Amino acid sequence: MTATPGRRGLMLLISSPSGAGKTSLSRRLVADHADLALSVSATTRPPRPGEVHGREYHFVDRPAFDTMIAGGEFLEWADVHDHRYGSPRAPVMEALADGKDVLFDIDWQGAQSIAQAAPEDAVRVFILPPSMADLSRRLHARAQDREDVIQSRLARAYGEIEQAVNYDYLIVNDDFDHAYAELAHIYHAERLRRARNPGMSKLMKALLAEKL
């Protein structure tokens, strides 16, 4: 899939409770589409081993982050576990203007903020688990968190699922390949929206001018 001349890109905002599969689905979609890039957030937390500035995150100190907030340089930002995270506005808007698409693996609060800031550019997709029991099983199978952390994630999931009514699309991830196919179909269809393809007006005029 290549960029269409005159086409405006879109922001694909993907949310889910922890363990429902949004990150795995997002990574595969980005890997399969050259014109879709994952948004790189800015953060005040220090880099972890193996992380590279500009790849996993834009690492900045607290004063620099606060200056960016004051300058309106974020589409959204939040305090998370004593650190700040935010989505820089300029690189995303530049990508959209160039006909490129940007994917956000993001919680519902961040998705809401971005959708409010750029409603014509945002497409929101919420990934649902087939059941809460299945979500619990997945979180335990990952073996990445203590039991109290898992229970906290499960408790938070109820409030997150309540927010799914505000999304444009809902996908139940009961089978990864099927869920991925549905996500890809949504992405492809949203790329073809008339409002995102103003360059098509020239083709339509040319077609109407043809005399057979």
N, C-alpha and C. Protein backbone atom coordinates (compact mmCIF):
# COMPACT_ATOMS: atom_id res chain seq x y z
N MET A 1 0.84 -1.18 0.00
CA MET A 1 0.00 0.00 0.00
C MET A 1 0.88 1.24 0.00
N THR A 2 0.65 2.15 -0.92
CA THR A 2 1.46 3.36 -1.02
C THR A 2 0.60 4.59 -0.84
N ALA A 3 1.23 5.70 -0.49
CA ALA A 3 0.50 6.94 -0.27
C ALA A 3 -0.11 7.43 -1.57
N THR A 4 -1.35 7.92 -1.52
CA THR A 4 -2.03 8.47 -2.68
C THR A 4 -1.81 9.97 -2.73
N PRO A 5 -1.40 10.51 -3.90
CA PRO A 5 -1.17 11.95 -4.00
C PRO A 5 -2.41 12.73 -3.58
N GLY A 6 -2.20 13.74 -2.75
CA GLY A 6 -3.30 14.57 -2.30
C GLY A 6 -4.09 14.00 -1.15
N ARG A 7 -3.74 12.81 -0.72
CA ARG A 7 -4.46 12.17 0.38
C ARG A 7 -3.96 12.65 1.73
N ARG A 8 -4.90 12.87 2.67
CA ARG A 8 -4.51 13.20 4.03
C ARG A 8 -4.50 11.94 4.86
N GLY A 9 -3.47 11.79 5.69
CA GLY A 9 -3.36 10.62 6.53
C GLY A 9 -4.38 10.61 7.65
N LEU A 10 -4.39 9.54 8.41
CA LEU A 10 -5.31 9.39 9.53
C LEU A 10 -4.56 8.97 10.78
N MET A 11 -5.18 9.18 11.92
CA MET A 11 -4.67 8.71 13.20
C MET A 11 -5.54 7.54 13.64
N LEU A 12 -4.95 6.37 13.77
CA LEU A 12 -5.65 5.17 14.20
C LEU A 12 -5.39 4.97 15.68
N LEU A 13 -6.40 5.16 16.50
CA LEU A 13 -6.27 5.10 17.96
C LEU A 13 -6.81 3.76 18.44
N ILE A 14 -5.93 2.90 18.95
CA ILE A 14 -6.33 1.56 19.37
C ILE A 14 -6.19 1.43 20.88
N SER A 15 -7.29 1.05 21.52
CA SER A 15 -7.31 0.90 22.97
C SER A 15 -7.88 -0.45 23.35
N SER A 16 -7.59 -0.88 24.58
CA SER A 16 -8.16 -2.12 25.11
C SER A 16 -7.76 -2.23 26.57
N PRO A 17 -8.43 -3.09 27.33
CA PRO A 17 -7.91 -3.41 28.66
C PRO A 17 -6.58 -4.13 28.51
N SER A 18 -5.76 -4.06 29.52
CA SER A 18 -4.48 -4.77 29.50
C SER A 18 -4.73 -6.27 29.32
N GLY A 19 -4.03 -6.86 28.34
CA GLY A 19 -4.16 -8.28 28.09
C GLY A 19 -5.11 -8.64 26.97
N ALA A 20 -5.86 -7.65 26.43
CA ALA A 20 -6.84 -7.96 25.37
C ALA A 20 -6.21 -8.05 23.99
N GLY A 21 -4.95 -7.58 23.85
CA GLY A 21 -4.25 -7.81 22.59
C GLY A 21 -3.99 -6.62 21.70
N LYS A 22 -4.21 -5.40 22.20
CA LYS A 22 -4.04 -4.25 21.31
C LYS A 22 -2.60 -4.07 20.84
N THR A 23 -1.64 -4.34 21.70
CA THR A 23 -0.24 -4.13 21.32
C THR A 23 0.19 -5.12 20.24
N SER A 24 -0.17 -6.38 20.39
CA SER A 24 0.19 -7.37 19.38
C SER A 24 -0.48 -7.06 18.04
N LEU A 25 -1.75 -6.67 18.07
CA LEU A 25 -2.46 -6.32 16.84
C LEU A 25 -1.86 -5.08 16.20
N SER A 26 -1.51 -4.10 17.02
CA SER A 26 -0.94 -2.86 16.51
C SER A 26 0.40 -3.10 15.84
N ARG A 27 1.24 -3.89 16.47
CA ARG A 27 2.57 -4.16 15.92
C ARG A 27 2.48 -4.88 14.58
N ARG A 28 1.55 -5.82 14.48
CA ARG A 28 1.43 -6.54 13.20
C ARG A 28 0.90 -5.61 12.11
N LEU A 29 -0.05 -4.75 12.45
CA LEU A 29 -0.60 -3.83 11.44
C LEU A 29 0.48 -2.88 10.93
N VAL A 30 1.29 -2.35 11.83
CA VAL A 30 2.38 -1.46 11.43
C VAL A 30 3.40 -2.21 10.58
N ALA A 31 3.72 -3.43 10.97
CA ALA A 31 4.70 -4.21 10.22
C ALA A 31 4.23 -4.52 8.81
N ASP A 32 2.93 -4.64 8.62
CA ASP A 32 2.37 -5.02 7.32
C ASP A 32 2.07 -3.83 6.40
N HIS A 33 2.20 -2.61 6.90
CA HIS A 33 1.82 -1.44 6.10
C HIS A 33 2.90 -0.37 6.17
N ALA A 34 3.53 -0.12 5.03
CA ALA A 34 4.66 0.80 4.98
C ALA A 34 4.28 2.25 5.29
N ASP A 35 3.04 2.62 5.01
CA ASP A 35 2.63 4.01 5.24
C ASP A 35 1.98 4.22 6.60
N LEU A 36 2.09 3.23 7.48
CA LEU A 36 1.56 3.33 8.83
C LEU A 36 2.71 3.26 9.82
N ALA A 37 2.84 4.28 10.65
CA ALA A 37 3.92 4.32 11.64
C ALA A 37 3.35 4.41 13.04
N LEU A 38 4.05 3.83 13.99
CA LEU A 38 3.64 3.90 15.39
C LEU A 38 4.07 5.24 15.97
N SER A 39 3.15 5.92 16.63
CA SER A 39 3.48 7.19 17.27
C SER A 39 4.54 6.97 18.35
N VAL A 40 5.52 7.85 18.38
CA VAL A 40 6.58 7.77 19.39
C VAL A 40 6.33 8.85 20.43
N SER A 41 6.04 8.44 21.65
CA SER A 41 5.71 9.38 22.71
C SER A 41 6.97 9.99 23.33
N ALA A 42 6.78 11.13 23.97
CA ALA A 42 7.82 11.73 24.79
C ALA A 42 7.58 11.30 26.23
N THR A 43 8.65 11.13 27.00
CA THR A 43 8.50 10.74 28.40
C THR A 43 9.62 11.33 29.24
N THR A 44 9.29 11.52 30.52
CA THR A 44 10.31 12.02 31.45
C THR A 44 11.02 10.86 32.17
N ARG A 45 10.59 9.64 31.96
CA ARG A 45 11.27 8.53 32.64
C ARG A 45 12.59 8.24 31.92
N PRO A 46 13.57 7.72 32.65
CA PRO A 46 14.87 7.42 32.03
C PRO A 46 14.77 6.21 31.10
N PRO A 47 15.64 6.11 30.11
CA PRO A 47 15.62 4.96 29.20
C PRO A 47 15.95 3.67 29.94
N ARG A 48 15.30 2.60 29.52
CA ARG A 48 15.62 1.27 30.03
C ARG A 48 16.70 0.66 29.14
N PRO A 49 17.40 -0.36 29.62
CA PRO A 49 18.44 -0.99 28.79
C PRO A 49 17.91 -1.39 27.42
N GLY A 50 18.62 -1.00 26.39
CA GLY A 50 18.23 -1.35 25.03
C GLY A 50 17.34 -0.35 24.35
N GLU A 51 16.76 0.58 25.10
CA GLU A 51 15.89 1.59 24.49
C GLU A 51 16.72 2.68 23.85
N VAL A 52 16.23 3.19 22.72
CA VAL A 52 16.94 4.20 21.94
C VAL A 52 16.08 5.45 21.84
N HIS A 53 16.68 6.60 22.09
CA HIS A 53 15.96 7.87 21.97
C HIS A 53 15.44 8.03 20.55
N GLY A 54 14.16 8.34 20.43
CA GLY A 54 13.55 8.52 19.12
C GLY A 54 12.96 7.25 18.54
N ARG A 55 13.27 6.09 19.14
CA ARG A 55 12.70 4.83 18.65
C ARG A 55 11.59 4.37 19.59
N GLU A 56 11.94 4.01 20.82
CA GLU A 56 10.90 3.65 21.78
C GLU A 56 10.18 4.90 22.31
N TYR A 57 10.97 5.90 22.67
CA TYR A 57 10.43 7.16 23.20
C TYR A 57 11.37 8.30 22.84
N HIS A 58 10.83 9.51 22.95
CA HIS A 58 11.66 10.71 22.98
C HIS A 58 11.89 11.00 24.47
N PHE A 59 13.10 10.81 24.95
CA PHE A 59 13.39 10.98 26.36
C PHE A 59 13.78 12.42 26.64
N VAL A 60 13.00 13.08 27.50
CA VAL A 60 13.26 14.48 27.84
C VAL A 60 13.17 14.63 29.36
N ASP A 61 13.79 15.70 29.88
CA ASP A 61 13.70 15.91 31.33
C ASP A 61 12.39 16.65 31.65
N ARG A 62 12.09 16.73 32.95
CA ARG A 62 10.81 17.31 33.38
C ARG A 62 10.65 18.77 32.95
N PRO A 63 11.67 19.62 33.11
CA PRO A 63 11.50 21.02 32.67
C PRO A 63 11.20 21.12 31.17
N ALA A 64 11.86 20.31 30.35
CA ALA A 64 11.61 20.35 28.91
C ALA A 64 10.20 19.88 28.60
N PHE A 65 9.75 18.86 29.30
CA PHE A 65 8.39 18.35 29.09
C PHE A 65 7.36 19.41 29.46
N ASP A 66 7.60 20.08 30.60
CA ASP A 66 6.66 21.10 31.04
C ASP A 66 6.63 22.28 30.07
N THR A 67 7.76 22.59 29.47
CA THR A 67 7.81 23.66 28.46
C THR A 67 6.99 23.25 27.24
N MET A 68 7.05 21.98 26.86
CA MET A 68 6.25 21.49 25.74
C MET A 68 4.76 21.56 26.05
N ILE A 69 4.39 21.25 27.30
CA ILE A 69 2.98 21.37 27.70
C ILE A 69 2.52 22.82 27.56
N ALA A 70 3.32 23.74 28.10
CA ALA A 70 2.96 25.16 28.06
C ALA A 70 2.84 25.67 26.63
N GLY A 71 3.63 25.10 25.74
CA GLY A 71 3.61 25.53 24.35
C GLY A 71 2.56 24.83 23.51
N GLY A 72 1.74 23.99 24.13
CA GLY A 72 0.70 23.28 23.39
C GLY A 72 1.26 22.29 22.38
N GLU A 73 2.41 21.68 22.70
CA GLU A 73 3.09 20.81 21.75
C GLU A 73 2.62 19.35 21.81
N PHE A 74 1.67 19.04 22.69
CA PHE A 74 1.18 17.66 22.79
C PHE A 74 -0.26 17.55 22.32
N LEU A 75 -0.56 16.45 21.64
CA LEU A 75 -1.95 16.11 21.35
C LEU A 75 -2.64 15.64 22.62
N GLU A 76 -1.88 14.96 23.47
CA GLU A 76 -2.36 14.52 24.78
C GLU A 76 -1.15 14.22 25.64
N TRP A 77 -1.33 14.32 26.96
CA TRP A 77 -0.25 13.94 27.88
C TRP A 77 -0.88 13.52 29.20
N ALA A 78 -0.12 12.76 30.00
CA ALA A 78 -0.64 12.28 31.27
C ALA A 78 0.50 11.95 32.22
N ASP A 79 0.19 11.99 33.51
CA ASP A 79 1.11 11.52 34.55
C ASP A 79 0.86 10.04 34.77
N VAL A 80 1.90 9.21 34.67
CA VAL A 80 1.76 7.77 34.86
C VAL A 80 2.92 7.27 35.72
N HIS A 81 2.60 6.81 36.92
CA HIS A 81 3.61 6.25 37.83
C HIS A 81 4.80 7.20 38.02
N ASP A 82 4.51 8.43 38.38
CA ASP A 82 5.53 9.43 38.73
C ASP A 82 6.32 9.96 37.52
N HIS A 83 5.91 9.60 36.34
CA HIS A 83 6.55 10.14 35.14
C HIS A 83 5.47 10.69 34.20
N ARG A 84 5.89 11.51 33.27
CA ARG A 84 4.95 12.08 32.31
C ARG A 84 5.18 11.50 30.92
N TYR A 85 4.07 11.28 30.23
CA TYR A 85 4.10 10.76 28.87
C TYR A 85 3.21 11.65 28.01
N GLY A 86 3.61 11.88 26.77
CA GLY A 86 2.79 12.69 25.89
C GLY A 86 3.05 12.38 24.43
N SER A 87 2.06 12.70 23.58
CA SER A 87 2.16 12.48 22.13
C SER A 87 2.46 13.80 21.45
N PRO A 88 3.69 14.00 20.96
CA PRO A 88 4.04 15.27 20.30
C PRO A 88 3.15 15.53 19.09
N ARG A 89 2.67 16.77 18.98
CA ARG A 89 1.73 17.13 17.93
C ARG A 89 2.40 17.29 16.55
N ALA A 90 3.53 18.01 16.49
CA ALA A 90 4.12 18.41 15.21
C ALA A 90 4.44 17.24 14.28
N PRO A 91 5.17 16.20 14.74
CA PRO A 91 5.50 15.11 13.81
C PRO A 91 4.28 14.36 13.30
N VAL A 92 3.26 14.27 14.14
CA VAL A 92 2.03 13.58 13.71
C VAL A 92 1.33 14.39 12.62
N MET A 93 1.18 15.70 12.84
CA MET A 93 0.50 16.53 11.87
C MET A 93 1.26 16.60 10.55
N GLU A 94 2.58 16.59 10.65
CA GLU A 94 3.40 16.58 9.42
C GLU A 94 3.18 15.29 8.64
N ALA A 95 3.12 14.17 9.36
CA ALA A 95 2.90 12.88 8.70
C ALA A 95 1.54 12.86 8.01
N LEU A 96 0.51 13.35 8.69
CA LEU A 96 -0.83 13.35 8.10
C LEU A 96 -0.87 14.21 6.84
N ALA A 97 -0.22 15.37 6.90
CA ALA A 97 -0.20 16.26 5.74
C ALA A 97 0.52 15.61 4.55
N ASP A 98 1.46 14.72 4.84
CA ASP A 98 2.20 14.01 3.78
C ASP A 98 1.49 12.75 3.31
N GLY A 99 0.29 12.51 3.82
CA GLY A 99 -0.46 11.33 3.41
C GLY A 99 -0.08 10.06 4.14
N LYS A 100 0.68 10.19 5.23
CA LYS A 100 1.08 9.04 6.03
C LYS A 100 0.10 8.87 7.20
N ASP A 101 -0.02 7.65 7.69
CA ASP A 101 -0.92 7.33 8.79
C ASP A 101 -0.13 7.05 10.06
N VAL A 102 -0.72 7.36 11.20
CA VAL A 102 -0.05 7.19 12.49
C VAL A 102 -0.94 6.37 13.41
N LEU A 103 -0.38 5.33 14.00
CA LEU A 103 -1.11 4.47 14.92
C LEU A 103 -0.72 4.80 16.36
N PHE A 104 -1.71 4.87 17.23
CA PHE A 104 -1.50 5.11 18.65
C PHE A 104 -1.99 3.90 19.43
N ASP A 105 -1.09 3.25 20.16
CA ASP A 105 -1.43 2.19 21.12
C ASP A 105 -1.65 2.94 22.43
N ILE A 106 -2.92 3.20 22.79
CA ILE A 106 -3.19 4.25 23.76
C ILE A 106 -4.38 3.90 24.65
N ASP A 107 -4.42 4.45 25.87
CA ASP A 107 -5.55 4.21 26.76
C ASP A 107 -6.73 5.12 26.34
N TRP A 108 -7.88 4.89 26.96
CA TRP A 108 -9.08 5.60 26.51
C TRP A 108 -9.02 7.10 26.78
N GLN A 109 -8.34 7.49 27.88
CA GLN A 109 -8.24 8.93 28.15
C GLN A 109 -7.43 9.63 27.07
N GLY A 110 -6.31 9.03 26.68
CA GLY A 110 -5.49 9.62 25.64
C GLY A 110 -6.21 9.64 24.30
N ALA A 111 -6.92 8.55 23.99
CA ALA A 111 -7.68 8.50 22.74
C ALA A 111 -8.75 9.58 22.70
N GLN A 112 -9.40 9.80 23.84
CA GLN A 112 -10.43 10.82 23.92
C GLN A 112 -9.84 12.21 23.69
N SER A 113 -8.68 12.48 24.28
CA SER A 113 -8.05 13.78 24.13
C SER A 113 -7.66 14.03 22.67
N ILE A 114 -7.09 13.02 22.02
CA ILE A 114 -6.68 13.18 20.63
C ILE A 114 -7.88 13.35 19.72
N ALA A 115 -8.93 12.57 19.95
CA ALA A 115 -10.13 12.67 19.13
C ALA A 115 -10.78 14.04 19.26
N GLN A 116 -10.70 14.63 20.46
CA GLN A 116 -11.24 15.96 20.66
C GLN A 116 -10.37 17.02 20.00
N ALA A 117 -9.05 16.79 19.98
CA ALA A 117 -8.13 17.76 19.39
C ALA A 117 -8.16 17.72 17.87
N ALA A 118 -8.41 16.54 17.29
CA ALA A 118 -8.39 16.39 15.83
C ALA A 118 -9.47 15.41 15.40
N PRO A 119 -10.74 15.78 15.54
CA PRO A 119 -11.84 14.84 15.29
C PRO A 119 -11.91 14.31 13.86
N GLU A 120 -11.52 15.12 12.88
CA GLU A 120 -11.62 14.68 11.49
C GLU A 120 -10.52 13.69 11.11
N ASP A 121 -9.46 13.67 11.88
CA ASP A 121 -8.31 12.80 11.57
C ASP A 121 -8.31 11.51 12.35
N ALA A 122 -9.09 11.43 13.42
CA ALA A 122 -9.01 10.31 14.36
C ALA A 122 -10.00 9.20 14.04
N VAL A 123 -9.54 7.96 14.13
CA VAL A 123 -10.38 6.77 14.02
C VAL A 123 -10.10 5.93 15.26
N ARG A 124 -11.14 5.66 16.05
CA ARG A 124 -10.95 4.96 17.31
C ARG A 124 -11.45 3.52 17.22
N VAL A 125 -10.57 2.59 17.62
CA VAL A 125 -10.90 1.16 17.62
C VAL A 125 -10.65 0.60 19.01
N PHE A 126 -11.63 -0.09 19.56
CA PHE A 126 -11.48 -0.69 20.89
C PHE A 126 -11.46 -2.21 20.75
N ILE A 127 -10.46 -2.83 21.37
CA ILE A 127 -10.31 -4.28 21.34
C ILE A 127 -10.89 -4.87 22.62
N LEU A 128 -11.88 -5.75 22.47
CA LEU A 128 -12.53 -6.38 23.61
C LEU A 128 -12.08 -7.83 23.77
N PRO A 129 -11.97 -8.32 25.01
CA PRO A 129 -11.73 -9.75 25.22
C PRO A 129 -13.06 -10.48 25.06
N PRO A 130 -13.04 -11.77 24.75
CA PRO A 130 -14.31 -12.50 24.64
C PRO A 130 -15.03 -12.68 25.98
N SER A 131 -14.29 -12.64 27.07
CA SER A 131 -14.88 -12.74 28.40
C SER A 131 -13.87 -12.23 29.42
N MET A 132 -14.35 -11.90 30.61
CA MET A 132 -13.44 -11.46 31.65
C MET A 132 -12.59 -12.63 32.14
N ALA A 133 -13.15 -13.83 32.10
CA ALA A 133 -12.38 -15.02 32.50
C ALA A 133 -11.21 -15.24 31.55
N ASP A 134 -11.46 -15.00 30.25
CA ASP A 134 -10.38 -15.15 29.28
C ASP A 134 -9.32 -14.07 29.48
N LEU A 135 -9.75 -12.85 29.81
CA LEU A 135 -8.79 -11.78 30.06
C LEU A 135 -7.92 -12.14 31.26
N SER A 136 -8.51 -12.67 32.31
CA SER A 136 -7.75 -13.09 33.48
C SER A 136 -6.74 -14.18 33.11
N ARG A 137 -7.20 -15.14 32.30
CA ARG A 137 -6.31 -16.22 31.89
C ARG A 137 -5.11 -15.68 31.12
N ARG A 138 -5.35 -14.72 30.22
CA ARG A 138 -4.25 -14.15 29.42
C ARG A 138 -3.25 -13.40 30.30
N LEU A 139 -3.76 -12.63 31.24
CA LEU A 139 -2.87 -11.88 32.12
C LEU A 139 -2.02 -12.82 32.97
N HIS A 140 -2.61 -13.89 33.44
CA HIS A 140 -1.84 -14.85 34.22
C HIS A 140 -0.84 -15.61 33.35
N ALA A 141 -1.23 -15.90 32.10
CA ALA A 141 -0.35 -16.65 31.20
C ALA A 141 0.88 -15.85 30.82
N ARG A 142 0.75 -14.51 30.82
CA ARG A 142 1.92 -13.69 30.47
C ARG A 142 3.02 -13.81 31.51
N ALA A 143 2.63 -14.07 32.76
CA ALA A 143 3.59 -14.24 33.86
C ALA A 143 4.55 -13.05 33.96
N GLN A 144 4.01 -11.86 33.73
CA GLN A 144 4.85 -10.66 33.79
C GLN A 144 4.61 -9.84 35.06
N ASP A 145 3.51 -10.09 35.75
CA ASP A 145 3.13 -9.24 36.88
C ASP A 145 2.83 -10.06 38.12
N ARG A 146 2.96 -9.41 39.27
CA ARG A 146 2.56 -10.03 40.53
C ARG A 146 1.04 -10.18 40.53
N GLU A 147 0.53 -11.04 41.40
CA GLU A 147 -0.91 -11.29 41.46
C GLU A 147 -1.70 -10.03 41.81
N ASP A 148 -1.15 -9.20 42.70
CA ASP A 148 -1.88 -7.98 43.06
C ASP A 148 -1.96 -7.02 41.88
N VAL A 149 -0.93 -7.01 41.05
CA VAL A 149 -0.93 -6.15 39.86
C VAL A 149 -1.96 -6.67 38.86
N ILE A 150 -2.02 -7.98 38.70
CA ILE A 150 -3.01 -8.57 37.79
C ILE A 150 -4.42 -8.25 38.25
N GLN A 151 -4.67 -8.37 39.53
CA GLN A 151 -6.01 -8.07 40.04
C GLN A 151 -6.35 -6.60 39.85
N SER A 152 -5.36 -5.74 39.98
CA SER A 152 -5.58 -4.32 39.74
C SER A 152 -5.93 -4.05 38.28
N ARG A 153 -5.24 -4.72 37.37
CA ARG A 153 -5.52 -4.57 35.94
C ARG A 153 -6.93 -5.07 35.61
N LEU A 154 -7.32 -6.18 36.21
CA LEU A 154 -8.66 -6.72 35.97
C LEU A 154 -9.74 -5.78 36.51
N ALA A 155 -9.51 -5.23 37.69
CA ALA A 155 -10.48 -4.30 38.25
C ALA A 155 -10.62 -3.06 37.38
N ARG A 156 -9.50 -2.59 36.86
CA ARG A 156 -9.51 -1.40 36.00
C ARG A 156 -10.18 -1.67 34.65
N ALA A 157 -10.15 -2.93 34.22
CA ALA A 157 -10.69 -3.30 32.92
C ALA A 157 -12.18 -2.99 32.81
N TYR A 158 -12.92 -3.11 33.90
CA TYR A 158 -14.36 -2.83 33.83
C TYR A 158 -14.62 -1.38 33.43
N GLY A 159 -13.89 -0.47 34.04
CA GLY A 159 -14.06 0.93 33.69
C GLY A 159 -13.61 1.23 32.28
N GLU A 160 -12.56 0.54 31.83
CA GLU A 160 -12.07 0.75 30.46
C GLU A 160 -13.08 0.25 29.44
N ILE A 161 -13.68 -0.91 29.70
CA ILE A 161 -14.67 -1.47 28.77
C ILE A 161 -15.90 -0.57 28.69
N GLU A 162 -16.25 0.09 29.79
CA GLU A 162 -17.38 1.03 29.76
C GLU A 162 -17.17 2.14 28.73
N GLN A 163 -15.92 2.49 28.47
CA GLN A 163 -15.61 3.57 27.54
C GLN A 163 -15.69 3.14 26.07
N ALA A 164 -15.84 1.84 25.83
CA ALA A 164 -15.86 1.34 24.45
C ALA A 164 -17.02 1.92 23.64
N VAL A 165 -18.08 2.37 24.32
CA VAL A 165 -19.23 2.94 23.60
C VAL A 165 -18.86 4.22 22.86
N ASN A 166 -17.75 4.83 23.22
CA ASN A 166 -17.33 6.08 22.58
C ASN A 166 -16.44 5.86 21.36
N TYR A 167 -16.19 4.61 21.02
CA TYR A 167 -15.28 4.29 19.91
C TYR A 167 -16.06 4.08 18.61
N ASP A 168 -15.35 4.25 17.49
CA ASP A 168 -15.98 4.06 16.18
C ASP A 168 -16.18 2.60 15.85
N TYR A 169 -15.25 1.75 16.29
CA TYR A 169 -15.29 0.33 15.96
C TYR A 169 -14.96 -0.50 17.18
N LEU A 170 -15.58 -1.67 17.27
CA LEU A 170 -15.30 -2.63 18.33
C LEU A 170 -14.90 -3.95 17.70
N ILE A 171 -13.82 -4.55 18.20
CA ILE A 171 -13.35 -5.83 17.71
C ILE A 171 -13.19 -6.77 18.91
N VAL A 172 -13.77 -7.95 18.82
CA VAL A 172 -13.61 -8.95 19.87
C VAL A 172 -12.43 -9.84 19.48
N ASN A 173 -11.41 -9.84 20.32
CA ASN A 173 -10.20 -10.62 20.02
C ASN A 173 -10.30 -12.01 20.64
N ASP A 174 -11.18 -12.84 20.03
CA ASP A 174 -11.26 -14.23 20.48
C ASP A 174 -10.38 -15.14 19.63
N ASP A 175 -9.98 -14.65 18.46
CA ASP A 175 -9.03 -15.34 17.60
C ASP A 175 -8.14 -14.27 16.97
N PHE A 176 -6.84 -14.37 17.20
CA PHE A 176 -5.94 -13.28 16.80
C PHE A 176 -6.00 -13.01 15.30
N ASP A 177 -5.92 -14.02 14.47
CA ASP A 177 -5.90 -13.80 13.03
C ASP A 177 -7.21 -13.17 12.54
N HIS A 178 -8.33 -13.60 13.10
CA HIS A 178 -9.61 -13.02 12.70
C HIS A 178 -9.70 -11.56 13.16
N ALA A 179 -9.28 -11.31 14.39
CA ALA A 179 -9.30 -9.94 14.90
C ALA A 179 -8.38 -9.04 14.07
N TYR A 180 -7.22 -9.58 13.68
CA TYR A 180 -6.30 -8.79 12.86
C TYR A 180 -6.92 -8.48 11.50
N ALA A 181 -7.58 -9.46 10.90
CA ALA A 181 -8.22 -9.24 9.60
C ALA A 181 -9.27 -8.14 9.70
N GLU A 182 -10.04 -8.14 10.78
CA GLU A 182 -11.05 -7.09 10.97
C GLU A 182 -10.39 -5.73 11.14
N LEU A 183 -9.31 -5.67 11.91
CA LEU A 183 -8.60 -4.40 12.10
C LEU A 183 -8.04 -3.89 10.78
N ALA A 184 -7.46 -4.78 9.99
CA ALA A 184 -6.91 -4.37 8.70
C ALA A 184 -8.00 -3.87 7.76
N HIS A 185 -9.17 -4.51 7.77
CA HIS A 185 -10.29 -4.06 6.94
C HIS A 185 -10.73 -2.65 7.33
N ILE A 186 -10.80 -2.41 8.64
CA ILE A 186 -11.17 -1.08 9.12
C ILE A 186 -10.17 -0.04 8.64
N TYR A 187 -8.90 -0.35 8.80
CA TYR A 187 -7.85 0.58 8.38
C TYR A 187 -7.93 0.87 6.89
N HIS A 188 -8.08 -0.16 6.08
CA HIS A 188 -8.14 0.03 4.63
C HIS A 188 -9.35 0.87 4.24
N ALA A 189 -10.51 0.60 4.86
CA ALA A 189 -11.72 1.35 4.53
C ALA A 189 -11.59 2.82 4.92
N GLU A 190 -11.00 3.09 6.09
CA GLU A 190 -10.86 4.47 6.54
C GLU A 190 -9.90 5.25 5.65
N ARG A 191 -8.92 4.58 5.08
CA ARG A 191 -8.01 5.25 4.14
C ARG A 191 -8.74 5.74 2.89
N LEU A 192 -9.82 5.07 2.54
CA LEU A 192 -10.54 5.39 1.31
C LEU A 192 -11.66 6.40 1.49
N ARG A 193 -11.86 6.91 2.69
CA ARG A 193 -12.91 7.91 2.89
C ARG A 193 -12.70 9.10 1.95
N ARG A 194 -13.80 9.55 1.36
CA ARG A 194 -13.71 10.65 0.40
C ARG A 194 -13.06 11.89 1.00
N ALA A 195 -13.39 12.20 2.25
CA ALA A 195 -12.85 13.41 2.88
C ALA A 195 -11.33 13.36 3.02
N ARG A 196 -10.76 12.15 3.05
CA ARG A 196 -9.31 12.02 3.19
C ARG A 196 -8.61 11.95 1.83
N ASN A 197 -9.38 12.00 0.77
CA ASN A 197 -8.80 11.88 -0.58
C ASN A 197 -9.28 13.00 -1.49
N PRO A 198 -8.96 14.25 -1.13
CA PRO A 198 -9.42 15.38 -1.96
C PRO A 198 -8.87 15.33 -3.37
N GLY A 199 -7.72 14.68 -3.56
CA GLY A 199 -7.15 14.59 -4.89
C GLY A 199 -8.04 13.82 -5.86
N MET A 200 -8.95 13.01 -5.35
CA MET A 200 -9.85 12.25 -6.20
C MET A 200 -10.83 13.14 -6.96
N SER A 201 -11.03 14.37 -6.47
CA SER A 201 -11.96 15.28 -7.16
C SER A 201 -11.48 15.58 -8.58
N LYS A 202 -10.16 15.62 -8.77
CA LYS A 202 -9.62 15.86 -10.11
C LYS A 202 -9.96 14.69 -11.04
N LEU A 203 -9.85 13.47 -10.51
CA LEU A 203 -10.19 12.31 -11.32
C LEU A 203 -11.67 12.31 -11.66
N MET A 204 -12.51 12.64 -10.70
CA MET A 204 -13.95 12.66 -10.96
C MET A 204 -14.30 13.69 -12.03
N LYS A 205 -13.68 14.87 -11.96
CA LYS A 205 -13.93 15.90 -12.97
C LYS A 205 -13.47 15.43 -14.35
N ALA A 206 -12.31 14.75 -14.38
CA ALA A 206 -11.79 14.26 -15.66
C ALA A 206 -12.72 13.20 -16.24
N LEU A 207 -13.25 12.32 -15.37
CA LEU A 207 -14.17 11.30 -15.84
C LEU A 207 -15.45 11.91 -16.41
N LEU A 208 -15.95 12.92 -15.72
CA LEU A 208 -17.17 13.57 -16.19
C LEU A 208 -16.96 14.36 -17.46
N ALA A 209 -15.72 14.77 -17.72
CA ALA A 209 -15.42 15.53 -18.93
C ALA A 209 -15.22 14.65 -20.14
N GLU A 210 -15.01 13.36 -19.90
CA GLU A 210 -14.77 12.45 -21.04
C GLU A 210 -16.06 12.24 -21.83
N LYS A 211 -15.93 12.32 -23.11
CA LYS A 211 -17.06 12.07 -23.99
C LYS A 211 -16.78 10.82 -24.81
N LEU A 212 -17.66 9.85 -24.71
CA LEU A 212 -17.47 8.60 -25.45
C LEU A 212 -18.25 8.62 -26.75
